[in-house]
Amino acid sequence: MSKRNILITGGAGFIGSNFVEYYLEAHPDRHVFNLDKLTYAGNLANLKMAEKNSRYTFIHGDICDRALVEKIFTDHHIDGIVHFAAESHVDNSIAGPATFIQTNIVGTFTLLDVARTKWMKKPFIKSDGLEHARFLHISTDEVYGSLGPQGYFVETTPYAPNSPYSASKASSDMIVRSYFHTFGLNVVTTNCSNNYGPKQHAEKLIPTVIRKALSEEPIPVYGKGENVRDWLYVEDHCRGIDLAFEKGRAGESYNIGGRNEWKNLKIVETICAILDRKKPRKSGESYKNLIAFVTDRPGHDLRYAIDATKIESELGWRAKETFATGIEKTIDWYLHL
């Protein structure tokens, strides 16, 4: 196959920027086009290494702009999409849901429909030379709702989103599914657990804890800190996405999780303990003394946990980082900014 041109959307964000740089190194036969609107969560500083690569092109624009998306497909002969672009912060979706509906639902539809028209002659008949073209959709475990103390999300778990954010992602997942079953578009969806690692936006839990601690400010913890999340190191996620894009079965979804379940309070206490060791407070007190419990988030899901057996058994993926090793790397990155 000749050199491929891959469109990555939202590649200036946290996971997207990590993936762009990972993918360029892993696939020397690919040219990456990064389409990003550069909202508050997008940062071109995340892509300093990619910008030095002749196989990387940045395009500033909105995934909802159909004319722009069509032009990118035509001008650059796009034959693959890895779709990250999304509004993703639950608190923001509570304060202003409309942006989430527009970006996550309308934006995903726009990309899918352009891909359909460019890659297919008609339903289930692919255009010549584009039989391999694939659309990979990045989603979240939050579409499944909330778990009790036991059990795990699997790919067949019924969707039960509880926030405007997760509802918008669930909607986009269903549109992706429909384009496979109705048109035969070559799609794959991945649903991941909570990511962490270098380049994450300051609004998320782990960067917030690190930032607040180092600034000697109160470290906010929702409710009693009892909410449980499965944590996935971003580089492990990038490898899983790559495998799903290259080897996943068309029309399938794959859950990618770290098998690292931690209560939020334990996460905060662990970060404080590491900072106590790596960058002690001048007062000599522990950073744990800065923890402040705040009013819980509306509709706050109790527990998420992913069963990653499918991607492990079918595609050979394994998480390399435990939370203990990944959080050390993450804190070191923030300390050396």
C-alpha atoms as a PDB file:
ATOM      1  CA  MET A   1       0.000   0.000   0.000  1.00  0.00           C
ATOM      2  CA  SER A   2       1.283   3.507  -0.822  1.00  0.00           C
ATOM      3  CA  LYS A   3       1.837   6.165   1.796  1.00  0.00           C
ATOM      4  CA  ARG A   4      -1.347   6.779   3.796  1.00  0.00           C
ATOM      5  CA  ASN A   5      -2.818  10.095   4.905  1.00  0.00           C
ATOM      6  CA  ILE A   6      -4.498   9.978   8.315  1.00  0.00           C
ATOM      7  CA  LEU A   7      -6.760  12.713   9.682  1.00  0.00           C
ATOM      8  CA  ILE A   8      -6.579  13.052  13.453  1.00  0.00           C
ATOM      9  CA  THR A   9      -9.193  15.352  14.966  1.00  0.00           C
ATOM     10  CA  GLY A  10      -8.576  17.109  18.263  1.00  0.00           C
ATOM     11  CA  GLY A  11      -4.877  16.355  18.099  1.00  0.00           C
ATOM     12  CA  ALA A  12      -3.896  19.420  20.136  1.00  0.00           C
ATOM     13  CA  GLY A  13      -5.708  18.104  23.198  1.00  0.00           C
ATOM     14  CA  PHE A  14      -4.366  15.837  25.926  1.00  0.00           C
ATOM     15  CA  ILE A  15      -4.854  12.343  24.494  1.00  0.00           C
ATOM     16  CA  GLY A  16      -4.789  13.513  20.885  1.00  0.00           C
ATOM     17  CA  SER A  17      -1.387  15.192  21.138  1.00  0.00           C
ATOM     18  CA  ASN A  18       0.117  12.172  22.867  1.00  0.00           C
ATOM     19  CA  PHE A  19      -1.323   9.989  20.096  1.00  0.00           C
ATOM     20  CA  VAL A  20      -0.080  12.212  17.244  1.00  0.00           C
ATOM     21  CA  GLU A  21       3.520  11.953  18.441  1.00  0.00           C
ATOM     22  CA  TYR A  22       3.201   8.229  19.208  1.00  0.00           C
ATOM     23  CA  TYR A  23       1.643   7.504  15.806  1.00  0.00           C
ATOM     24  CA  LEU A  24       4.222   9.451  13.786  1.00  0.00           C
ATOM     25  CA  GLU A  25       6.987   7.434  15.401  1.00  0.00           C
ATOM     26  CA  ALA A  26       5.176   4.098  15.108  1.00  0.00           C
ATOM     27  CA  HIS A  27       4.199   4.522  11.434  1.00  0.00           C
ATOM     28  CA  PRO A  28       6.904   6.082   9.241  1.00  0.00           C
ATOM     29  CA  ASP A  29       4.730   5.429   6.146  1.00  0.00           C
ATOM     30  CA  ARG A  30       1.932   7.734   7.332  1.00  0.00           C
ATOM     31  CA  HIS A  31       1.314  11.474   7.005  1.00  0.00           C
ATOM     32  CA  VAL A  32      -0.752  12.900   9.864  1.00  0.00           C
ATOM     33  CA  PHE A  33      -3.124  15.824   9.355  1.00  0.00           C
ATOM     34  CA  ASN A  34      -4.273  17.268  12.668  1.00  0.00           C
ATOM     35  CA  LEU A  35      -7.581  19.169  12.578  1.00  0.00           C
ATOM     36  CA  ASP A  36      -8.198  21.115  15.781  1.00  0.00           C
ATOM     37  CA  LYS A  37     -10.374  24.105  16.615  1.00  0.00           C
ATOM     38  CA  LEU A  38      -7.968  25.132  19.397  1.00  0.00           C
ATOM     39  CA  THR A  39     -10.603  25.715  22.049  1.00  0.00           C
ATOM     40  CA  TYR A  40      -9.418  26.290  25.611  1.00  0.00           C
ATOM     41  CA  ALA A  41      -8.429  22.595  25.868  1.00  0.00           C
ATOM     42  CA  GLY A  42      -6.232  22.589  22.739  1.00  0.00           C
ATOM     43  CA  ASN A  43      -2.617  23.649  23.027  1.00  0.00           C
ATOM     44  CA  LEU A  44      -0.112  23.675  20.172  1.00  0.00           C
ATOM     45  CA  ALA A  45       2.686  23.566  22.746  1.00  0.00           C
ATOM     46  CA  ASN A  46       1.686  19.913  23.199  1.00  0.00           C
ATOM     47  CA  LEU A  47       2.958  19.205  19.671  1.00  0.00           C
ATOM     48  CA  LYS A  48       6.494  20.594  19.680  1.00  0.00           C
ATOM     49  CA  MET A  49       8.003  17.273  18.638  1.00  0.00           C
ATOM     50  CA  ALA A  50       5.415  16.657  15.912  1.00  0.00           C
ATOM     51  CA  GLU A  51       5.980  20.092  14.399  1.00  0.00           C
ATOM     52  CA  LYS A  52       9.550  19.082  13.559  1.00  0.00           C
ATOM     53  CA  ASN A  53       8.293  16.143  11.501  1.00  0.00           C
ATOM     54  CA  SER A  54       7.817  16.595   7.735  1.00  0.00           C
ATOM     55  CA  ARG A  55       4.972  14.039   7.874  1.00  0.00           C
ATOM     56  CA  TYR A  56       2.853  16.254  10.129  1.00  0.00           C
ATOM     57  CA  THR A  57       0.465  19.046   9.080  1.00  0.00           C
ATOM     58  CA  PHE A  58      -1.693  21.129  11.412  1.00  0.00           C
ATOM     59  CA  ILE A  59      -5.044  22.478  10.191  1.00  0.00           C
ATOM     60  CA  HIS A  60      -6.946  24.990  12.311  1.00  0.00           C
ATOM     61  CA  GLY A  61     -10.677  24.410  12.008  1.00  0.00           C
ATOM     62  CA  ASP A  62     -13.946  23.022  13.302  1.00  0.00           C
ATOM     63  CA  ILE A  63     -15.116  19.427  12.737  1.00  0.00           C
ATOM     64  CA  CYS A  64     -18.645  20.836  12.332  1.00  0.00           C
ATOM     65  CA  ASP A  65     -17.521  22.812   9.251  1.00  0.00           C
ATOM     66  CA  ARG A  66     -18.531  20.398   6.491  1.00  0.00           C
ATOM     67  CA  ALA A  67     -17.008  22.424   3.669  1.00  0.00           C
ATOM     68  CA  LEU A  68     -13.641  22.425   5.440  1.00  0.00           C
ATOM     69  CA  VAL A  69     -13.784  18.691   6.186  1.00  0.00           C
ATOM     70  CA  GLU A  70     -14.657  17.943   2.541  1.00  0.00           C
ATOM     71  CA  LYS A  71     -11.765  20.115   1.353  1.00  0.00           C
ATOM     72  CA  ILE A  72      -9.327  18.306   3.648  1.00  0.00           C
ATOM     73  CA  PHE A  73     -10.464  14.946   2.278  1.00  0.00           C
ATOM     74  CA  THR A  74     -10.167  16.128  -1.313  1.00  0.00           C
ATOM     75  CA  ASP A  75      -6.893  18.036  -1.024  1.00  0.00           C
ATOM     76  CA  HIS A  76      -5.047  15.417   1.018  1.00  0.00           C
ATOM     77  CA  HIS A  77      -6.647  12.131  -0.078  1.00  0.00           C
ATOM     78  CA  ILE A  78      -7.517  11.159   3.484  1.00  0.00           C
ATOM     79  CA  ASP A  79      -7.902   7.389   3.898  1.00  0.00           C
ATOM     80  CA  GLY A  80      -8.144   7.095   7.689  1.00  0.00           C
ATOM     81  CA  ILE A  81      -9.612   9.044  10.593  1.00  0.00           C
ATOM     82  CA  VAL A  82      -8.835   8.829  14.295  1.00  0.00           C
ATOM     83  CA  HIS A  83     -11.497  10.995  15.895  1.00  0.00           C
ATOM     84  CA  PHE A  84     -10.599  12.491  19.291  1.00  0.00           C
ATOM     85  CA  ALA A  85     -12.175  15.937  18.988  1.00  0.00           C
ATOM     86  CA  ALA A  86     -14.767  16.342  21.740  1.00  0.00           C
ATOM     87  CA  GLU A  87     -15.870  18.443  24.641  1.00  0.00           C
ATOM     88  CA  SER A  88     -15.082  16.211  27.602  1.00  0.00           C
ATOM     89  CA  HIS A  89     -15.321  17.911  30.999  1.00  0.00           C
ATOM     90  CA  VAL A  90     -18.436  16.844  32.925  1.00  0.00           C
ATOM     91  CA  ASP A  91     -18.620  20.027  35.001  1.00  0.00           C
ATOM     92  CA  ASN A  92     -18.621  22.120  31.825  1.00  0.00           C
ATOM     93  CA  SER A  93     -21.396  19.987  30.334  1.00  0.00           C
ATOM     94  CA  ILE A  94     -23.535  20.717  33.392  1.00  0.00           C
ATOM     95  CA  ALA A  95     -22.909  24.458  33.092  1.00  0.00           C
ATOM     96  CA  GLY A  96     -23.366  24.613  29.310  1.00  0.00           C
ATOM     97  CA  PRO A  97     -24.640  21.481  27.524  1.00  0.00           C
ATOM     98  CA  ALA A  98     -25.185  23.072  24.086  1.00  0.00           C
ATOM     99  CA  THR A  99     -21.518  23.028  23.096  1.00  0.00           C
ATOM    100  CA  PHE A 100     -21.332  19.323  23.905  1.00  0.00           C
ATOM    101  CA  ILE A 101     -24.316  18.548  21.686  1.00  0.00           C
ATOM    102  CA  GLN A 102     -22.852  20.539  18.807  1.00  0.00           C
ATOM    103  CA  THR A 103     -19.274  19.258  18.934  1.00  0.00           C
ATOM    104  CA  ASN A 104     -19.762  15.694  20.083  1.00  0.00           C
ATOM    105  CA  ILE A 105     -22.893  14.829  18.090  1.00  0.00           C
ATOM    106  CA  VAL A 106     -23.022  17.171  15.079  1.00  0.00           C
ATOM    107  CA  GLY A 107     -19.240  17.135  14.670  1.00  0.00           C
ATOM    108  CA  THR A 108     -19.057  13.352  14.682  1.00  0.00           C
ATOM    109  CA  PHE A 109     -21.948  13.128  12.202  1.00  0.00           C
ATOM    110  CA  THR A 110     -20.211  15.611   9.878  1.00  0.00           C
ATOM    111  CA  LEU A 111     -16.984  13.588   9.827  1.00  0.00           C
ATOM    112  CA  LEU A 112     -18.831  10.306   9.317  1.00  0.00           C
ATOM    113  CA  ASP A 113     -20.974  11.615   6.502  1.00  0.00           C
ATOM    114  CA  VAL A 114     -18.047  13.129   4.631  1.00  0.00           C
ATOM    115  CA  ALA A 115     -16.125   9.871   5.033  1.00  0.00           C
ATOM    116  CA  ARG A 116     -19.126   7.984   3.656  1.00  0.00           C
ATOM    117  CA  THR A 117     -19.377  10.178   0.566  1.00  0.00           C
ATOM    118  CA  LYS A 118     -15.627  10.115  -0.081  1.00  0.00           C
ATOM    119  CA  TRP A 119     -14.924   6.444   0.624  1.00  0.00           C
ATOM    120  CA  MET A 120     -18.036   4.709  -0.719  1.00  0.00           C
ATOM    121  CA  LYS A 121     -19.825   4.519  -4.068  1.00  0.00           C
ATOM    122  CA  LYS A 122     -23.050   3.456  -2.381  1.00  0.00           C
ATOM    123  CA  PRO A 123     -24.037   1.477   0.734  1.00  0.00           C
ATOM    124  CA  PHE A 124     -21.674  -1.484   1.232  1.00  0.00           C
ATOM    125  CA  ILE A 125     -19.773  -0.725  -1.996  1.00  0.00           C
ATOM    126  CA  LYS A 126     -16.407   0.923  -1.312  1.00  0.00           C
ATOM    127  CA  SER A 127     -14.673   3.259  -3.732  1.00  0.00           C
ATOM    128  CA  ASP A 128     -11.791   1.791  -5.710  1.00  0.00           C
ATOM    129  CA  GLY A 129      -8.524   1.984  -3.806  1.00  0.00           C
ATOM    130  CA  LEU A 130     -10.241   2.884  -0.545  1.00  0.00           C
ATOM    131  CA  GLU A 131     -11.246  -0.575   0.596  1.00  0.00           C
ATOM    132  CA  HIS A 132      -8.910  -0.181   3.580  1.00  0.00           C
ATOM    133  CA  ALA A 133     -10.149   3.292   4.657  1.00  0.00           C
ATOM    134  CA  ARG A 134     -11.253   3.304   8.300  1.00  0.00           C
ATOM    135  CA  PHE A 135     -12.911   5.640  10.824  1.00  0.00           C
ATOM    136  CA  LEU A 136     -11.906   5.092  14.457  1.00  0.00           C
ATOM    137  CA  HIS A 137     -14.078   6.824  17.042  1.00  0.00           C
ATOM    138  CA  ILE A 138     -12.715   7.552  20.524  1.00  0.00           C
ATOM    139  CA  SER A 139     -15.343   7.315  23.249  1.00  0.00           C
ATOM    140  CA  THR A 140     -15.542   6.884  27.027  1.00  0.00           C
ATOM    141  CA  ASP A 141     -16.645   4.432  29.694  1.00  0.00           C
ATOM    142  CA  GLU A 142     -19.021   7.104  31.003  1.00  0.00           C
ATOM    143  CA  VAL A 143     -21.592   6.131  28.355  1.00  0.00           C
ATOM    144  CA  TYR A 144     -22.341   3.014  30.434  1.00  0.00           C
ATOM    145  CA  GLY A 145     -23.474   4.982  33.483  1.00  0.00           C
ATOM    146  CA  SER A 146     -22.525   4.061  37.034  1.00  0.00           C
ATOM    147  CA  LEU A 147     -21.470   0.729  38.543  1.00  0.00           C
ATOM    148  CA  GLY A 148     -22.144  -0.528  42.033  1.00  0.00           C
ATOM    149  CA  PRO A 149     -19.355  -1.939  44.218  1.00  0.00           C
ATOM    150  CA  GLN A 150     -19.019  -5.037  41.997  1.00  0.00           C
ATOM    151  CA  GLY A 151     -18.872  -5.788  38.282  1.00  0.00           C
ATOM    152  CA  TYR A 152     -17.267  -4.272  35.195  1.00  0.00           C
ATOM    153  CA  PHE A 153     -18.260  -2.543  31.986  1.00  0.00           C
ATOM    154  CA  VAL A 154     -18.022  -4.822  28.953  1.00  0.00           C
ATOM    155  CA  GLU A 155     -18.690  -3.979  25.321  1.00  0.00           C
ATOM    156  CA  THR A 156     -22.262  -5.292  25.596  1.00  0.00           C
ATOM    157  CA  THR A 157     -23.149  -3.315  28.736  1.00  0.00           C
ATOM    158  CA  PRO A 158     -26.318  -1.275  28.018  1.00  0.00           C
ATOM    159  CA  TYR A 159     -25.739   2.448  27.670  1.00  0.00           C
ATOM    160  CA  ALA A 160     -27.059   4.565  30.567  1.00  0.00           C
ATOM    161  CA  PRO A 161     -25.366   7.998  30.418  1.00  0.00           C
ATOM    162  CA  ASN A 162     -26.000  10.288  33.388  1.00  0.00           C
ATOM    163  CA  SER A 163     -24.494  13.642  32.372  1.00  0.00           C
ATOM    164  CA  PRO A 164     -24.888  15.849  29.297  1.00  0.00           C
ATOM    165  CA  TYR A 165     -21.281  14.976  28.439  1.00  0.00           C
ATOM    166  CA  SER A 166     -21.762  11.208  28.572  1.00  0.00           C
ATOM    167  CA  ALA A 167     -25.133  11.507  26.814  1.00  0.00           C
ATOM    168  CA  SER A 168     -23.515  13.385  23.940  1.00  0.00           C
ATOM    169  CA  LYS A 169     -20.791  10.747  23.654  1.00  0.00           C
ATOM    170  CA  ALA A 170     -23.355   7.930  23.790  1.00  0.00           C
ATOM    171  CA  SER A 171     -25.265   9.643  20.993  1.00  0.00           C
ATOM    172  CA  SER A 172     -22.139   9.914  18.848  1.00  0.00           C
ATOM    173  CA  ASP A 173     -21.353   6.230  19.473  1.00  0.00           C
ATOM    174  CA  MET A 174     -24.804   5.296  18.199  1.00  0.00           C
ATOM    175  CA  ILE A 175     -24.373   7.383  15.053  1.00  0.00           C
ATOM    176  CA  VAL A 176     -21.038   5.665  14.374  1.00  0.00           C
ATOM    177  CA  ARG A 177     -22.717   2.282  14.841  1.00  0.00           C
ATOM    178  CA  SER A 178     -25.526   3.237  12.459  1.00  0.00           C
ATOM    179  CA  TYR A 179     -23.077   4.140   9.686  1.00  0.00           C
ATOM    180  CA  PHE A 180     -21.648   0.631   9.860  1.00  0.00           C
ATOM    181  CA  HIS A 181     -24.990  -1.159   9.850  1.00  0.00           C
ATOM    182  CA  THR A 182     -26.743   1.120   7.340  1.00  0.00           C
ATOM    183  CA  PHE A 183     -23.941   2.030   4.937  1.00  0.00           C
ATOM    184  CA  GLY A 184     -21.197  -0.504   5.607  1.00  0.00           C
ATOM    185  CA  LEU A 185     -18.708   2.231   6.553  1.00  0.00           C
ATOM    186  CA  ASN A 186     -15.558   0.727   8.066  1.00  0.00           C
ATOM    187  CA  VAL A 187     -15.775   1.985  11.653  1.00  0.00           C
ATOM    188  CA  VAL A 188     -14.327   0.948  15.012  1.00  0.00           C
ATOM    189  CA  THR A 189     -15.137   2.485  18.410  1.00  0.00           C
ATOM    190  CA  THR A 190     -12.974   2.450  21.527  1.00  0.00           C
ATOM    191  CA  ASN A 191     -14.315   3.242  25.002  1.00  0.00           C
ATOM    192  CA  CYS A 192     -11.640   4.135  27.519  1.00  0.00           C
ATOM    193  CA  SER A 193     -11.417   4.650  31.261  1.00  0.00           C
ATOM    194  CA  ASN A 194      -9.982   7.795  32.904  1.00  0.00           C
ATOM    195  CA  ASN A 195      -6.708   8.809  31.271  1.00  0.00           C
ATOM    196  CA  TYR A 196      -3.823  10.523  33.013  1.00  0.00           C
ATOM    197  CA  GLY A 197      -0.263  11.465  32.102  1.00  0.00           C
ATOM    198  CA  PRO A 198       1.747  14.294  30.521  1.00  0.00           C
ATOM    199  CA  LYS A 199      -0.033  17.219  28.811  1.00  0.00           C
ATOM    200  CA  GLN A 200      -3.410  16.769  30.535  1.00  0.00           C
ATOM    201  CA  HIS A 201      -5.495  19.936  30.837  1.00  0.00           C
ATOM    202  CA  ALA A 202      -5.337  21.691  34.190  1.00  0.00           C
ATOM    203  CA  GLU A 203      -9.090  21.274  34.826  1.00  0.00           C
ATOM    204  CA  LYS A 204      -8.883  17.483  35.275  1.00  0.00           C
ATOM    205  CA  LEU A 205      -8.486  15.780  38.659  1.00  0.00           C
ATOM    206  CA  ILE A 206      -4.821  14.785  38.703  1.00  0.00           C
ATOM    207  CA  PRO A 207      -3.410  18.041  37.233  1.00  0.00           C
ATOM    208  CA  THR A 208      -5.704  19.994  39.572  1.00  0.00           C
ATOM    209  CA  VAL A 209      -4.353  18.167  42.619  1.00  0.00           C
ATOM    210  CA  ILE A 210      -0.733  18.706  41.552  1.00  0.00           C
ATOM    211  CA  ARG A 211      -1.289  22.363  40.663  1.00  0.00           C
ATOM    212  CA  LYS A 212      -3.216  23.220  43.825  1.00  0.00           C
ATOM    213  CA  ALA A 213      -0.707  21.431  46.035  1.00  0.00           C
ATOM    214  CA  LEU A 214       2.313  23.163  44.531  1.00  0.00           C
ATOM    215  CA  SER A 215       0.515  26.529  44.804  1.00  0.00           C
ATOM    216  CA  GLU A 216      -0.261  25.869  48.490  1.00  0.00           C
ATOM    217  CA  GLU A 217      -3.992  26.176  47.776  1.00  0.00           C
ATOM    218  CA  PRO A 218      -6.863  23.997  49.074  1.00  0.00           C
ATOM    219  CA  ILE A 219      -7.101  20.732  47.095  1.00  0.00           C
ATOM    220  CA  PRO A 220     -10.818  20.209  46.303  1.00  0.00           C
ATOM    221  CA  VAL A 221     -12.299  16.710  46.669  1.00  0.00           C
ATOM    222  CA  TYR A 222     -15.937  16.102  45.722  1.00  0.00           C
ATOM    223  CA  GLY A 223     -18.168  14.726  48.501  1.00  0.00           C
ATOM    224  CA  LYS A 224     -16.212  12.290  50.652  1.00  0.00           C
ATOM    225  CA  GLY A 225     -13.873  11.241  47.848  1.00  0.00           C
ATOM    226  CA  GLU A 226     -15.532   7.824  47.622  1.00  0.00           C
ATOM    227  CA  ASN A 227     -16.037   7.839  43.830  1.00  0.00           C
ATOM    228  CA  VAL A 228     -14.016   5.109  42.116  1.00  0.00           C
ATOM    229  CA  ARG A 229     -12.370   5.357  38.697  1.00  0.00           C
ATOM    230  CA  ASP A 230     -10.256   2.990  36.603  1.00  0.00           C
ATOM    231  CA  TRP A 231      -7.082   4.855  35.609  1.00  0.00           C
ATOM    232  CA  LEU A 232      -5.296   4.368  32.281  1.00  0.00           C
ATOM    233  CA  TYR A 233      -1.892   5.855  31.494  1.00  0.00           C
ATOM    234  CA  VAL A 234      -2.154   7.847  28.273  1.00  0.00           C
ATOM    235  CA  GLU A 235       0.645   6.026  26.430  1.00  0.00           C
ATOM    236  CA  ASP A 236      -1.033   2.683  27.130  1.00  0.00           C
ATOM    237  CA  HIS A 237      -4.218   4.161  25.678  1.00  0.00           C
ATOM    238  CA  CYS A 238      -2.358   5.329  22.558  1.00  0.00           C
ATOM    239  CA  ARG A 239      -1.079   1.809  21.934  1.00  0.00           C
ATOM    240  CA  GLY A 240      -4.600   0.431  22.316  1.00  0.00           C
ATOM    241  CA  ILE A 241      -6.040   2.950  19.862  1.00  0.00           C
ATOM    242  CA  ASP A 242      -3.316   2.114  17.339  1.00  0.00           C
ATOM    243  CA  LEU A 243      -4.054  -1.605  17.614  1.00  0.00           C
ATOM    244  CA  ALA A 244      -7.795  -1.062  17.249  1.00  0.00           C
ATOM    245  CA  PHE A 245      -7.257   1.163  14.201  1.00  0.00           C
ATOM    246  CA  GLU A 246      -4.861  -1.254  12.527  1.00  0.00           C
ATOM    247  CA  LYS A 247      -6.269  -4.649  13.525  1.00  0.00           C
ATOM    248  CA  GLY A 248      -9.709  -4.203  15.066  1.00  0.00           C
ATOM    249  CA  ARG A 249     -12.725  -5.811  13.421  1.00  0.00           C
ATOM    250  CA  ALA A 250     -14.963  -3.424  11.463  1.00  0.00           C
ATOM    251  CA  GLY A 251     -18.141  -2.500  13.305  1.00  0.00           C
ATOM    252  CA  GLU A 252     -16.776  -3.602  16.689  1.00  0.00           C
ATOM    253  CA  SER A 253     -16.145  -1.660  19.875  1.00  0.00           C
ATOM    254  CA  TYR A 254     -13.218  -2.266  22.224  1.00  0.00           C
ATOM    255  CA  ASN A 255     -13.013  -1.237  25.871  1.00  0.00           C
ATOM    256  CA  ILE A 256      -9.565   0.000  26.929  1.00  0.00           C
ATOM    257  CA  GLY A 257      -8.998   0.097  30.692  1.00  0.00           C
ATOM    258  CA  GLY A 258      -6.019   0.093  33.001  1.00  0.00           C
ATOM    259  CA  ARG A 259      -7.287  -2.372  35.634  1.00  0.00           C
ATOM    260  CA  ASN A 260      -6.327   0.322  38.150  1.00  0.00           C
ATOM    261  CA  GLU A 261      -9.345   1.129  40.336  1.00  0.00           C
ATOM    262  CA  TRP A 262      -8.788   3.873  42.871  1.00  0.00           C
ATOM    263  CA  LYS A 263     -11.040   6.007  45.038  1.00  0.00           C
ATOM    264  CA  ASN A 264     -10.644   9.717  44.335  1.00  0.00           C
ATOM    265  CA  LEU A 265      -9.499  10.427  47.899  1.00  0.00           C
ATOM    266  CA  LYS A 266      -6.817   7.735  47.641  1.00  0.00           C
ATOM    267  CA  ILE A 267      -5.617   9.301  44.380  1.00  0.00           C
ATOM    268  CA  VAL A 268      -5.284  12.678  46.080  1.00  0.00           C
ATOM    269  CA  GLU A 269      -3.514  11.245  49.123  1.00  0.00           C
ATOM    270  CA  THR A 270      -1.101   9.286  46.908  1.00  0.00           C
ATOM    271  CA  ILE A 271      -0.175  12.384  44.904  1.00  0.00           C
ATOM    272  CA  CYS A 272       0.340  14.345  48.136  1.00  0.00           C
ATOM    273  CA  ALA A 273       2.618  11.626  49.515  1.00  0.00           C
ATOM    274  CA  ILE A 274       4.734  11.586  46.330  1.00  0.00           C
ATOM    275  CA  LEU A 275       5.003  15.374  46.378  1.00  0.00           C
ATOM    276  CA  ASP A 276       5.988  15.240  50.059  1.00  0.00           C
ATOM    277  CA  ARG A 277       8.932  13.113  48.965  1.00  0.00           C
ATOM    278  CA  LYS A 278       9.847  14.866  45.707  1.00  0.00           C
ATOM    279  CA  LYS A 279       9.138  18.520  46.568  1.00  0.00           C
ATOM    280  CA  PRO A 280       8.524  18.993  50.314  1.00  0.00           C
ATOM    281  CA  ARG A 281       6.591  22.023  51.545  1.00  0.00           C
ATOM    282  CA  LYS A 282       8.652  24.778  53.123  1.00  0.00           C
ATOM    283  CA  SER A 283       6.469  24.510  56.223  1.00  0.00           C
ATOM    284  CA  GLY A 284       7.424  20.860  56.642  1.00  0.00           C
ATOM    285  CA  GLU A 285       3.734  19.874  56.693  1.00  0.00           C
ATOM    286  CA  SER A 286       2.258  17.238  54.389  1.00  0.00           C
ATOM    287  CA  TYR A 287       0.375  18.341  51.293  1.00  0.00           C
ATOM    288  CA  LYS A 288      -2.464  16.179  52.654  1.00  0.00           C
ATOM    289  CA  ASN A 289      -3.264  19.020  55.044  1.00  0.00           C
ATOM    290  CA  LEU A 290      -4.445  21.040  52.017  1.00  0.00           C
ATOM    291  CA  ILE A 291      -7.255  18.577  51.170  1.00  0.00           C
ATOM    292  CA  ALA A 292     -10.673  20.287  51.311  1.00  0.00           C
ATOM    293  CA  PHE A 293     -13.946  18.412  50.788  1.00  0.00           C
ATOM    294  CA  VAL A 294     -16.442  20.298  48.608  1.00  0.00           C
ATOM    295  CA  THR A 295     -20.097  19.844  47.602  1.00  0.00           C
ATOM    296  CA  ASP A 296     -20.467  16.833  45.342  1.00  0.00           C
ATOM    297  CA  ARG A 297     -21.069  17.184  41.600  1.00  0.00           C
ATOM    298  CA  PRO A 298     -24.724  16.739  40.478  1.00  0.00           C
ATOM    299  CA  GLY A 299     -25.314  13.237  39.114  1.00  0.00           C
ATOM    300  CA  HIS A 300     -21.816  12.133  40.094  1.00  0.00           C
ATOM    301  CA  ASP A 301     -21.417   8.460  39.044  1.00  0.00           C
ATOM    302  CA  LEU A 302     -20.109   6.299  41.899  1.00  0.00           C
ATOM    303  CA  ARG A 303     -17.844   3.859  40.098  1.00  0.00           C
ATOM    304  CA  TYR A 304     -16.466   3.104  36.641  1.00  0.00           C
ATOM    305  CA  ALA A 305     -14.440  -0.024  35.887  1.00  0.00           C
ATOM    306  CA  ILE A 306     -13.612  -1.536  32.507  1.00  0.00           C
ATOM    307  CA  ASP A 307     -13.135  -5.169  31.541  1.00  0.00           C
ATOM    308  CA  ALA A 308     -10.488  -4.992  28.797  1.00  0.00           C
ATOM    309  CA  THR A 309     -10.550  -8.727  28.044  1.00  0.00           C
ATOM    310  CA  LYS A 310     -11.734  -8.261  24.449  1.00  0.00           C
ATOM    311  CA  ILE A 311      -8.877  -6.028  23.285  1.00  0.00           C
ATOM    312  CA  GLU A 312      -6.410  -8.086  25.309  1.00  0.00           C
ATOM    313  CA  SER A 313      -7.496 -11.419  23.809  1.00  0.00           C
ATOM    314  CA  GLU A 314      -8.261 -10.291  20.237  1.00  0.00           C
ATOM    315  CA  LEU A 315      -5.529  -7.716  19.633  1.00  0.00           C
ATOM    316  CA  GLY A 316      -2.881  -8.611  22.223  1.00  0.00           C
ATOM    317  CA  TRP A 317      -3.010  -5.295  24.067  1.00  0.00           C
ATOM    318  CA  ARG A 318      -1.792  -5.000  27.664  1.00  0.00           C
ATOM    319  CA  ALA A 319      -1.436  -1.969  29.914  1.00  0.00           C
ATOM    320  CA  LYS A 320       2.259  -1.578  30.709  1.00  0.00           C
ATOM    321  CA  GLU A 321       1.858   0.952  33.523  1.00  0.00           C
ATOM    322  CA  THR A 322       0.357   0.361  36.925  1.00  0.00           C
ATOM    323  CA  PHE A 323      -1.030   3.447  38.623  1.00  0.00           C
ATOM    324  CA  ALA A 324       1.974   3.436  40.964  1.00  0.00           C
ATOM    325  CA  THR A 325       4.442   3.648  38.061  1.00  0.00           C
ATOM    326  CA  GLY A 326       2.339   5.934  35.864  1.00  0.00           C
ATOM    327  CA  ILE A 327       1.624   8.533  38.529  1.00  0.00           C
ATOM    328  CA  GLU A 328       5.350   8.843  39.303  1.00  0.00           C
ATOM    329  CA  LYS A 329       6.045   9.566  35.621  1.00  0.00           C
ATOM    330  CA  THR A 330       3.155  12.024  35.496  1.00  0.00           C
ATOM    331  CA  ILE A 331       4.232  13.974  38.574  1.00  0.00           C
ATOM    332  CA  ASP A 332       7.831  14.104  37.315  1.00  0.00           C
ATOM    333  CA  TRP A 333       6.581  15.620  34.038  1.00  0.00           C
ATOM    334  CA  TYR A 334       4.639  18.352  35.862  1.00  0.00           C
ATOM    335  CA  LEU A 335       7.542  19.092  38.203  1.00  0.00           C
ATOM    336  CA  HIS A 336       9.854  19.674  35.243  1.00  0.00           C
ATOM    337  CA  LEU A 337       7.553  21.979  33.270  1.00  0.00           C
END
